[in-house]
């Protein structure tokens, strides 16, 4: 077992490049998908939960209250394209391509090349069952941003053992 799995601290990978959070405030490579939260272009109070499955590129896009995206009918909508673009900024194109199992002719693809490679396979529209947990994680991240910075242990993390506790 690697050291990081035995400790209470996880290694944080810095972003490949800085990104703006207004359009895509939350993006992650998790649960066998590229998934995240994308702001609506027309309504400031609406966000979309979008995801692309690794390997099959099955895609899903719906509002945070499970209304389907009007643009994701048979192909990637603008929310999914924005999600891929921000994932490339956050993680780097090679890492995103490797995670999604997307093969491109270019060894250093950009976001547009990744989208083109995935849409060329004519992926199926997936289900939106992952939307609720993704949106919940996003809200959890927002809650941490509202907290005052402190050096004391967080009450949510108290179940982690002290690093020098006697057995």
Foldseek 3Di string as FASTA:
>chain_A
DDPQVVAPDHDDDFFPADDDCQAWVFWDLDPQKTWGKGADPPDRPWIKIKIAGAPQRAIAIAILVRHGDPQPDQADGVSVLVSLQVCCRGHNDQVVCVSSVFDFPDNRDHSVRSRVSNCVSSHHHDDCPCSNVRVVVVVVVVVVVPDDDDPDDDPVSVVGDDPPDDD
